[in-house]
Amino acid sequence: MTAPPERVLYVVTCATPAARHVGELVSLAHSEGWTICVIATPLAMRFIDQAGLEEQTGFPVRSDYKQPGTPDVLPPATAIIVGGASFNTINKWAAGISDTLALGLLTEGIGLELPLVALPFFNAAQAAHPAFNRSVRELRQAGVKVLLGDDGYTPHTPHQGSKNLSKYPWEKALRAVAALLS
């Protein structure tokens, strides 16, 4: 029997254009010695290269709860990054809604006091919605590092999000996790 890895990063990704590039975060984290497991929201499965991510991480990409009584194929998380955190996920997470595996892990992560980092990806019109500011405030009060503005992601102009993916700040999320662990 082998010991579980010491540093396990769960990368949660949502149904946003950023999900198509989540492998970039996986590569960055691998280069820093992390063991990575990818968790996708059910709709994010349409955006990702599941087989490529499984080959890259060595673990299955999970998007649904396992059956009761079956062993968990993923080691326990040391930290979680939500990259391409959607407007929907941010608001549901803050409200304590746990209707997907991804949200279940995120809501539980607060109670487990795991280092949690959210790197949003949505547009400025969504960010202007009153629920968003309440949700960010709630998550930050719960200890989640939400990376917005100069510290992370500046919401893009509506209908323009896919145009700036080359500048999506994956490395800022990884640095934020390292800072939370130190």
C-alpha atoms as a PDB file:
ATOM      1  CA  MET A   1       0.000   0.000   0.000  1.00  0.00           C
ATOM      2  CA  THR A   2       1.423   3.373  -0.985  1.00  0.00           C
ATOM      3  CA  ALA A   3       1.119   6.541   1.053  1.00  0.00           C
ATOM      4  CA  PRO A   4      -1.146   9.249  -0.357  1.00  0.00           C
ATOM      5  CA  PRO A   5       0.601  12.190  -2.039  1.00  0.00           C
ATOM      6  CA  GLU A   6       1.497  15.073   0.282  1.00  0.00           C
ATOM      7  CA  ARG A   7       0.252  17.963  -1.894  1.00  0.00           C
ATOM      8  CA  VAL A   8      -2.966  17.303  -3.785  1.00  0.00           C
ATOM      9  CA  LEU A   9      -4.564  20.149  -5.699  1.00  0.00           C
ATOM     10  CA  TYR A  10      -8.137  19.796  -6.839  1.00  0.00           C
ATOM     11  CA  VAL A  11      -8.745  21.936  -9.892  1.00  0.00           C
ATOM     12  CA  VAL A  12     -12.453  22.608 -10.254  1.00  0.00           C
ATOM     13  CA  THR A  13     -13.535  23.977 -13.598  1.00  0.00           C
ATOM     14  CA  CYS A  14     -16.872  25.338 -14.763  1.00  0.00           C
ATOM     15  CA  ALA A  15     -18.702  25.748 -18.063  1.00  0.00           C
ATOM     16  CA  THR A  16     -16.730  28.776 -19.256  1.00  0.00           C
ATOM     17  CA  PRO A  17     -14.318  29.254 -22.162  1.00  0.00           C
ATOM     18  CA  ALA A  18     -11.475  29.107 -19.605  1.00  0.00           C
ATOM     19  CA  ALA A  19     -12.252  25.413 -19.041  1.00  0.00           C
ATOM     20  CA  ARG A  20     -10.858  24.668 -22.503  1.00  0.00           C
ATOM     21  CA  HIS A  21      -7.448  25.761 -21.189  1.00  0.00           C
ATOM     22  CA  VAL A  22      -7.486  24.257 -17.692  1.00  0.00           C
ATOM     23  CA  GLY A  23      -4.621  21.993 -18.766  1.00  0.00           C
ATOM     24  CA  GLU A  24      -2.405  25.084 -18.529  1.00  0.00           C
ATOM     25  CA  LEU A  25      -3.078  25.257 -14.787  1.00  0.00           C
ATOM     26  CA  VAL A  26      -2.452  21.516 -14.514  1.00  0.00           C
ATOM     27  CA  SER A  27       0.953  21.954 -16.201  1.00  0.00           C
ATOM     28  CA  LEU A  28       1.892  24.891 -13.963  1.00  0.00           C
ATOM     29  CA  ALA A  29       0.911  22.988 -10.832  1.00  0.00           C
ATOM     30  CA  HIS A  30       2.786  19.853 -11.953  1.00  0.00           C
ATOM     31  CA  SER A  31       5.918  21.953 -12.403  1.00  0.00           C
ATOM     32  CA  GLU A  32       5.586  23.015  -8.754  1.00  0.00           C
ATOM     33  CA  GLY A  33       5.307  19.450  -7.486  1.00  0.00           C
ATOM     34  CA  TRP A  34       1.544  19.148  -7.045  1.00  0.00           C
ATOM     35  CA  THR A  35      -0.501  16.029  -7.630  1.00  0.00           C
ATOM     36  CA  ILE A  36      -3.567  17.290  -9.512  1.00  0.00           C
ATOM     37  CA  CYS A  37      -7.117  16.008  -9.793  1.00  0.00           C
ATOM     38  CA  VAL A  38      -9.614  17.728 -12.087  1.00  0.00           C
ATOM     39  CA  ILE A  39     -13.257  18.096 -11.079  1.00  0.00           C
ATOM     40  CA  ALA A  40     -15.604  19.527 -13.704  1.00  0.00           C
ATOM     41  CA  THR A  41     -19.128  20.778 -13.331  1.00  0.00           C
ATOM     42  CA  PRO A  42     -21.473  18.644 -15.457  1.00  0.00           C
ATOM     43  CA  LEU A  43     -21.748  21.325 -18.148  1.00  0.00           C
ATOM     44  CA  ALA A  44     -17.979  21.930 -18.111  1.00  0.00           C
ATOM     45  CA  MET A  45     -17.554  18.397 -19.469  1.00  0.00           C
ATOM     46  CA  ARG A  46     -18.644  19.852 -22.832  1.00  0.00           C
ATOM     47  CA  PHE A  47     -15.702  22.302 -22.741  1.00  0.00           C
ATOM     48  CA  ILE A  48     -12.766  20.163 -21.611  1.00  0.00           C
ATOM     49  CA  ASP A  49     -10.555  17.517 -23.185  1.00  0.00           C
ATOM     50  CA  GLN A  50     -11.377  14.784 -20.679  1.00  0.00           C
ATOM     51  CA  ALA A  51      -8.996  12.165 -22.079  1.00  0.00           C
ATOM     52  CA  GLY A  52      -6.160  14.685 -22.330  1.00  0.00           C
ATOM     53  CA  LEU A  53      -6.652  15.845 -18.731  1.00  0.00           C
ATOM     54  CA  GLU A  54      -6.793  12.258 -17.478  1.00  0.00           C
ATOM     55  CA  GLU A  55      -3.539  11.500 -19.258  1.00  0.00           C
ATOM     56  CA  GLN A  56      -1.988  14.709 -17.915  1.00  0.00           C
ATOM     57  CA  THR A  57      -3.021  14.082 -14.279  1.00  0.00           C
ATOM     58  CA  GLY A  58      -3.085  10.295 -14.063  1.00  0.00           C
ATOM     59  CA  PHE A  59      -6.562  10.461 -12.477  1.00  0.00           C
ATOM     60  CA  PRO A  60     -10.073  10.295 -13.889  1.00  0.00           C
ATOM     61  CA  VAL A  61     -11.847  13.618 -14.368  1.00  0.00           C
ATOM     62  CA  ARG A  62     -14.797  13.548 -11.981  1.00  0.00           C
ATOM     63  CA  SER A  63     -18.057  15.391 -12.603  1.00  0.00           C
ATOM     64  CA  ASP A  64     -20.529  13.337 -10.625  1.00  0.00           C
ATOM     65  CA  TYR A  65     -20.762  11.765  -7.202  1.00  0.00           C
ATOM     66  CA  LYS A  66     -19.502   8.212  -6.844  1.00  0.00           C
ATOM     67  CA  GLN A  67     -21.899   5.424  -5.951  1.00  0.00           C
ATOM     68  CA  PRO A  68     -22.295   4.790  -2.198  1.00  0.00           C
ATOM     69  CA  GLY A  69     -19.917   2.110  -0.967  1.00  0.00           C
ATOM     70  CA  THR A  70     -17.491   2.411  -3.871  1.00  0.00           C
ATOM     71  CA  PRO A  71     -13.924   3.486  -3.150  1.00  0.00           C
ATOM     72  CA  ASP A  72     -12.864   7.026  -3.963  1.00  0.00           C
ATOM     73  CA  VAL A  73     -10.364   7.039  -6.831  1.00  0.00           C
ATOM     74  CA  LEU A  74      -8.984  10.480  -5.923  1.00  0.00           C
ATOM     75  CA  PRO A  75      -6.679  11.248  -2.998  1.00  0.00           C
ATOM     76  CA  PRO A  76      -7.975  13.862  -0.516  1.00  0.00           C
ATOM     77  CA  ALA A  77      -7.373  17.487  -1.471  1.00  0.00           C
ATOM     78  CA  THR A  78      -4.781  19.672   0.221  1.00  0.00           C
ATOM     79  CA  ALA A  79      -6.104  22.769  -1.589  1.00  0.00           C
ATOM     80  CA  ILE A  80      -8.665  23.673  -4.260  1.00  0.00           C
ATOM     81  CA  ILE A  81      -8.556  26.154  -7.133  1.00  0.00           C
ATOM     82  CA  VAL A  82     -11.750  26.946  -9.024  1.00  0.00           C
ATOM     83  CA  GLY A  83     -10.529  28.119 -12.413  1.00  0.00           C
ATOM     84  CA  GLY A  84     -12.910  29.452 -14.802  1.00  0.00           C
ATOM     85  CA  ALA A  85     -15.191  30.038 -11.792  1.00  0.00           C
ATOM     86  CA  SER A  86     -18.507  30.887 -13.390  1.00  0.00           C
ATOM     87  CA  PHE A  87     -21.031  33.455 -12.201  1.00  0.00           C
ATOM     88  CA  ASN A  88     -23.365  30.551 -11.441  1.00  0.00           C
ATOM     89  CA  THR A  89     -20.807  28.618  -9.377  1.00  0.00           C
ATOM     90  CA  ILE A  90     -19.703  31.674  -7.371  1.00  0.00           C
ATOM     91  CA  ASN A  91     -23.303  32.484  -6.444  1.00  0.00           C
ATOM     92  CA  LYS A  92     -24.328  28.902  -5.665  1.00  0.00           C
ATOM     93  CA  TRP A  93     -21.171  28.304  -3.615  1.00  0.00           C
ATOM     94  CA  ALA A  94     -21.790  31.423  -1.525  1.00  0.00           C
ATOM     95  CA  ALA A  95     -25.402  30.351  -0.966  1.00  0.00           C
ATOM     96  CA  GLY A  96     -24.285  26.902   0.213  1.00  0.00           C
ATOM     97  CA  ILE A  97     -25.905  25.083  -2.700  1.00  0.00           C
ATOM     98  CA  SER A  98     -24.355  21.669  -3.256  1.00  0.00           C
ATOM     99  CA  ASP A  99     -26.195  20.252  -6.269  1.00  0.00           C
ATOM    100  CA  THR A 100     -23.104  18.984  -8.143  1.00  0.00           C
ATOM    101  CA  LEU A 101     -19.950  17.183  -7.096  1.00  0.00           C
ATOM    102  CA  ALA A 102     -17.938  20.361  -7.764  1.00  0.00           C
ATOM    103  CA  LEU A 103     -20.157  22.466  -5.488  1.00  0.00           C
ATOM    104  CA  GLY A 104     -20.264  19.698  -2.893  1.00  0.00           C
ATOM    105  CA  LEU A 105     -16.465  19.713  -2.687  1.00  0.00           C
ATOM    106  CA  LEU A 106     -16.341  23.515  -2.573  1.00  0.00           C
ATOM    107  CA  THR A 107     -18.970  23.905   0.144  1.00  0.00           C
ATOM    108  CA  GLU A 108     -17.323  21.133   2.163  1.00  0.00           C
ATOM    109  CA  GLY A 109     -13.912  22.728   1.601  1.00  0.00           C
ATOM    110  CA  ILE A 110     -14.995  25.755   3.633  1.00  0.00           C
ATOM    111  CA  GLY A 111     -15.893  23.556   6.595  1.00  0.00           C
ATOM    112  CA  LEU A 112     -12.670  21.577   6.240  1.00  0.00           C
ATOM    113  CA  GLU A 113     -10.748  24.867   6.214  1.00  0.00           C
ATOM    114  CA  LEU A 114      -8.900  23.943   3.033  1.00  0.00           C
ATOM    115  CA  PRO A 115      -7.035  26.672   1.166  1.00  0.00           C
ATOM    116  CA  LEU A 116      -9.623  27.734  -1.427  1.00  0.00           C
ATOM    117  CA  VAL A 117      -8.974  30.027  -4.383  1.00  0.00           C
ATOM    118  CA  ALA A 118     -11.559  31.205  -6.918  1.00  0.00           C
ATOM    119  CA  LEU A 119     -10.356  32.627 -10.224  1.00  0.00           C
ATOM    120  CA  PRO A 120     -13.533  33.917 -11.906  1.00  0.00           C
ATOM    121  CA  PHE A 121     -14.363  34.011 -15.581  1.00  0.00           C
ATOM    122  CA  PHE A 122     -17.462  35.965 -16.586  1.00  0.00           C
ATOM    123  CA  ASN A 123     -18.451  39.285 -18.037  1.00  0.00           C
ATOM    124  CA  ALA A 124     -18.828  42.763 -16.563  1.00  0.00           C
ATOM    125  CA  ALA A 125     -22.613  42.733 -16.955  1.00  0.00           C
ATOM    126  CA  GLN A 126     -22.814  39.620 -14.765  1.00  0.00           C
ATOM    127  CA  ALA A 127     -20.385  41.143 -12.269  1.00  0.00           C
ATOM    128  CA  ALA A 128     -22.701  44.166 -11.985  1.00  0.00           C
ATOM    129  CA  HIS A 129     -25.532  41.981 -10.689  1.00  0.00           C
ATOM    130  CA  PRO A 130     -26.136  42.665  -6.954  1.00  0.00           C
ATOM    131  CA  ALA A 131     -25.965  38.960  -6.095  1.00  0.00           C
ATOM    132  CA  PHE A 132     -22.375  38.772  -7.299  1.00  0.00           C
ATOM    133  CA  ASN A 133     -20.963  41.334  -4.844  1.00  0.00           C
ATOM    134  CA  ARG A 134     -22.874  39.689  -1.990  1.00  0.00           C
ATOM    135  CA  SER A 135     -21.511  36.307  -3.006  1.00  0.00           C
ATOM    136  CA  VAL A 136     -17.910  37.496  -3.214  1.00  0.00           C
ATOM    137  CA  ARG A 137     -18.258  39.124   0.203  1.00  0.00           C
ATOM    138  CA  GLU A 138     -19.738  35.901   1.678  1.00  0.00           C
ATOM    139  CA  LEU A 139     -16.996  33.724   0.222  1.00  0.00           C
ATOM    140  CA  ARG A 140     -14.232  36.037   1.390  1.00  0.00           C
ATOM    141  CA  GLN A 141     -15.720  36.096   4.900  1.00  0.00           C
ATOM    142  CA  ALA A 142     -15.638  32.288   4.804  1.00  0.00           C
ATOM    143  CA  GLY A 143     -11.913  32.363   3.978  1.00  0.00           C
ATOM    144  CA  VAL A 144     -12.034  31.899   0.201  1.00  0.00           C
ATOM    145  CA  LYS A 145      -9.480  33.908  -1.774  1.00  0.00           C
ATOM    146  CA  VAL A 146     -11.494  35.380  -4.671  1.00  0.00           C
ATOM    147  CA  LEU A 147      -9.112  36.758  -7.288  1.00  0.00           C
ATOM    148  CA  LEU A 148     -10.648  39.803  -8.961  1.00  0.00           C
ATOM    149  CA  GLY A 149      -9.203  42.897 -10.617  1.00  0.00           C
ATOM    150  CA  ASP A 150      -5.456  43.441 -10.375  1.00  0.00           C
ATOM    151  CA  ASP A 151      -5.185  40.417  -8.065  1.00  0.00           C
ATOM    152  CA  GLY A 152      -6.737  38.072 -10.603  1.00  0.00           C
ATOM    153  CA  TYR A 153      -9.372  38.407 -13.286  1.00  0.00           C
ATOM    154  CA  THR A 154     -11.099  41.556 -14.475  1.00  0.00           C
ATOM    155  CA  PRO A 155     -14.539  40.671 -15.875  1.00  0.00           C
ATOM    156  CA  HIS A 156     -14.530  41.027 -19.635  1.00  0.00           C
ATOM    157  CA  THR A 157     -16.844  42.952 -21.948  1.00  0.00           C
ATOM    158  CA  PRO A 158     -19.979  40.892 -22.677  1.00  0.00           C
ATOM    159  CA  HIS A 159     -19.555  38.518 -25.641  1.00  0.00           C
ATOM    160  CA  GLN A 160     -15.772  39.081 -25.688  1.00  0.00           C
ATOM    161  CA  GLY A 161     -14.522  36.553 -23.135  1.00  0.00           C
ATOM    162  CA  SER A 162     -13.013  34.043 -25.521  1.00  0.00           C
ATOM    163  CA  LYS A 163     -10.805  36.730 -27.057  1.00  0.00           C
ATOM    164  CA  ASN A 164      -8.550  37.194 -23.995  1.00  0.00           C
ATOM    165  CA  LEU A 165      -7.940  33.628 -22.872  1.00  0.00           C
ATOM    166  CA  SER A 166      -4.229  33.860 -23.638  1.00  0.00           C
ATOM    167  CA  LYS A 167      -4.033  36.353 -20.756  1.00  0.00           C
ATOM    168  CA  TYR A 168      -6.096  34.327 -18.275  1.00  0.00           C
ATOM    169  CA  PRO A 169      -4.059  34.489 -15.025  1.00  0.00           C
ATOM    170  CA  TRP A 170      -3.759  30.809 -14.057  1.00  0.00           C
ATOM    171  CA  GLU A 171      -0.406  31.536 -12.379  1.00  0.00           C
ATOM    172  CA  LYS A 172      -2.051  34.006  -9.970  1.00  0.00           C
ATOM    173  CA  ALA A 173      -4.334  31.262  -8.701  1.00  0.00           C
ATOM    174  CA  LEU A 174      -1.381  28.957  -8.095  1.00  0.00           C
ATOM    175  CA  ARG A 175       0.535  31.735  -6.291  1.00  0.00           C
ATOM    176  CA  ALA A 176      -2.526  32.432  -4.137  1.00  0.00           C
ATOM    177  CA  VAL A 177      -2.708  28.789  -3.050  1.00  0.00           C
ATOM    178  CA  ALA A 178       1.006  28.825  -2.202  1.00  0.00           C
ATOM    179  CA  ALA A 179       0.497  31.983  -0.121  1.00  0.00           C
ATOM    180  CA  LEU A 180      -2.442  30.421   1.751  1.00  0.00           C
ATOM    181  CA  LEU A 181      -0.343  27.346   2.562  1.00  0.00           C
ATOM    182  CA  SER A 182       2.657  29.318   3.833  1.00  0.00           C
END
